[in-house]
Amino acid sequence: MSQENVDAVRRSNQAFNEGDLEKALELFDYDAVYYEQPGNPLDTGEVLQGRDQIHDSVSSYIAEFPDFRSEIDELLEAEEKVVCIQRWTGTGRGSGIPTEFEEVILYSFENGKVTEARVYPDRASALGAAGMSA
């Protein structure tokens, strides 16, 4: 099942980059919870509960960064979890200032859907939380 989960994260990322947010968020269970790092660069809520709240949050930063994209650097499988290391890039709509930052997310799956996504400060922390060695 874990390779299927890795492929699902890859497809979701591709849909996001193609501008299909609805398709990208199909990966998430309706009751999924997304935990951001405090002080994250996107200034979103630290806990997003449910697909609708995740959608609204993502939509708000797409409005501010219309060319916002995610490039996956690494996907690692761990049973029903996937560690995704990605780089976000975009240009501020009003400021014209480019932004780029890395984000490390641990996705937890049940029945092919993400039930929890948690952002970690670094690769080692996410791998440890997934029960993998760094």
Protein backbone atom coordinates (compact mmCIF):
# COMPACT_ATOMS: atom_id res chain seq x y z
CA MET A 1 0.00 0.00 0.00
CA SER A 2 2.80 2.46 0.73
CA GLN A 3 3.96 2.76 -2.90
CA GLU A 4 0.35 3.60 -3.78
CA ASN A 5 0.44 6.33 -1.13
CA VAL A 6 3.69 7.72 -2.55
CA ASP A 7 2.12 7.76 -6.02
CA ALA A 8 -0.98 9.51 -4.61
CA VAL A 9 1.17 12.28 -3.09
CA ARG A 10 2.96 12.68 -6.42
CA ARG A 11 -0.36 12.91 -8.33
CA SER A 12 -1.76 15.41 -5.82
CA ASN A 13 1.33 17.60 -6.21
CA GLN A 14 1.05 17.44 -9.99
CA ALA A 15 -2.63 18.46 -9.86
CA PHE A 16 -1.72 21.37 -7.57
CA ASN A 17 0.97 22.57 -9.97
CA GLU A 18 -1.50 22.30 -12.86
CA GLY A 19 -3.90 24.60 -10.99
CA ASP A 20 -6.45 21.91 -10.09
CA LEU A 21 -6.80 22.44 -6.36
CA GLU A 22 -9.94 20.31 -6.11
CA LYS A 23 -8.16 17.31 -7.61
CA ALA A 24 -5.07 17.94 -5.48
CA LEU A 25 -7.15 17.87 -2.29
CA GLU A 26 -8.90 14.61 -3.19
CA LEU A 27 -5.91 12.99 -1.47
CA PHE A 28 -7.25 14.22 1.89
CA ASP A 29 -10.00 12.57 3.89
CA TYR A 30 -12.90 14.96 4.58
CA ASP A 31 -11.93 14.99 8.27
CA ALA A 32 -8.16 15.23 7.75
CA VAL A 33 -6.14 17.43 10.07
CA TYR A 34 -3.14 19.44 8.82
CA TYR A 35 -0.61 20.68 11.37
CA GLU A 36 1.67 23.54 10.31
CA GLN A 37 4.82 24.66 12.08
CA PRO A 38 4.42 27.73 14.30
CA GLY A 39 5.48 30.85 12.40
CA ASN A 40 5.30 29.14 9.03
CA PRO A 41 6.20 31.32 6.03
CA LEU A 42 2.65 31.19 4.66
CA ASP A 43 1.10 32.69 7.78
CA THR A 44 -1.67 30.08 7.81
CA GLY A 45 -3.34 28.60 10.85
CA GLU A 46 -1.28 26.09 12.80
CA VAL A 47 -4.09 23.50 12.78
CA LEU A 48 -6.40 23.08 9.82
CA GLN A 49 -9.34 20.77 10.50
CA GLY A 50 -11.08 19.11 7.59
CA ARG A 51 -10.68 19.32 3.84
CA ASP A 52 -12.76 22.52 3.61
CA GLN A 53 -10.47 24.42 5.99
CA ILE A 54 -7.39 23.06 4.20
CA HIS A 55 -8.91 24.18 0.89
CA ASP A 56 -9.65 27.68 2.20
CA SER A 57 -6.12 28.06 3.56
CA VAL A 58 -4.45 26.90 0.35
CA SER A 59 -6.77 29.13 -1.70
CA SER A 60 -5.77 32.16 0.38
CA TYR A 61 -2.07 31.80 -0.32
CA ILE A 62 -2.66 31.00 -3.98
CA ALA A 63 -4.45 34.36 -4.11
CA GLU A 64 -1.32 36.02 -2.70
CA PHE A 65 1.15 33.95 -4.77
CA PRO A 66 -0.62 33.17 -8.07
CA ASP A 67 2.39 31.27 -9.45
CA PHE A 68 2.82 29.19 -6.27
CA ARG A 69 4.35 25.79 -7.08
CA SER A 70 5.68 22.77 -5.25
CA GLU A 71 8.64 20.74 -6.44
CA ILE A 72 9.09 17.43 -4.66
CA ASP A 73 12.71 16.74 -3.77
CA GLU A 74 12.13 13.41 -2.03
CA LEU A 75 9.32 10.99 -1.15
CA LEU A 76 9.95 8.27 1.42
CA GLU A 77 7.50 5.51 2.31
CA ALA A 78 7.00 4.08 5.76
CA GLU A 79 4.06 1.65 5.87
CA GLU A 80 0.98 3.88 6.00
CA LYS A 81 3.02 7.09 6.09
CA VAL A 82 4.83 9.15 3.47
CA VAL A 83 7.53 11.73 4.15
CA CYS A 84 7.49 14.44 1.51
CA ILE A 85 10.36 16.91 1.22
CA GLN A 86 9.40 19.71 -1.12
CA ARG A 87 10.37 23.18 -2.17
CA TRP A 88 7.71 25.88 -2.54
CA THR A 89 8.25 28.84 -4.84
CA GLY A 90 6.11 31.80 -5.79
CA THR A 91 6.01 35.51 -6.37
CA GLY A 92 3.96 37.89 -4.24
CA ARG A 93 1.05 39.36 -6.18
CA GLY A 94 1.34 42.84 -4.74
CA SER A 95 5.04 43.00 -3.95
CA GLY A 96 6.53 41.10 -6.87
CA ILE A 97 8.99 39.61 -4.38
CA PRO A 98 9.89 35.96 -5.01
CA THR A 99 9.77 33.44 -2.18
CA GLU A 100 11.23 29.98 -1.84
CA PHE A 101 11.28 27.62 1.12
CA GLU A 102 11.54 23.95 1.95
CA GLU A 103 8.80 22.08 3.77
CA VAL A 104 8.92 18.57 5.21
CA ILE A 105 5.52 16.93 5.63
CA LEU A 106 4.63 13.57 7.14
CA TYR A 107 1.39 12.26 5.64
CA SER A 108 -0.51 9.54 7.52
CA PHE A 109 -2.87 7.42 5.42
CA GLU A 110 -5.91 5.28 6.10
CA ASN A 111 -7.74 3.53 3.27
CA GLY A 112 -5.84 5.49 0.63
CA LYS A 113 -6.63 8.94 2.06
CA VAL A 114 -4.56 11.31 4.17
CA THR A 115 -6.03 11.52 7.66
CA GLU A 116 -3.22 13.66 9.08
CA ALA A 117 -0.49 15.82 7.59
CA ARG A 118 2.12 17.29 9.88
CA VAL A 119 4.89 19.72 8.94
CA TYR A 120 8.25 19.13 10.61
CA PRO A 121 11.18 21.53 10.93
CA ASP A 122 13.56 19.14 9.17
CA ARG A 123 13.99 15.78 7.48
CA ALA A 124 15.39 14.00 10.56
CA SER A 125 12.39 15.00 12.73
CA ALA A 126 9.90 13.75 10.14
CA LEU A 127 11.77 10.49 9.64
CA GLY A 128 11.88 9.93 13.39
CA ALA A 129 8.13 10.55 13.67
CA ALA A 130 7.58 8.03 10.85
CA GLY A 131 9.67 5.43 12.70
CA MET A 132 12.50 5.62 10.18
CA SER A 133 16.16 6.31 10.78
CA ALA A 134 17.74 9.46 9.40
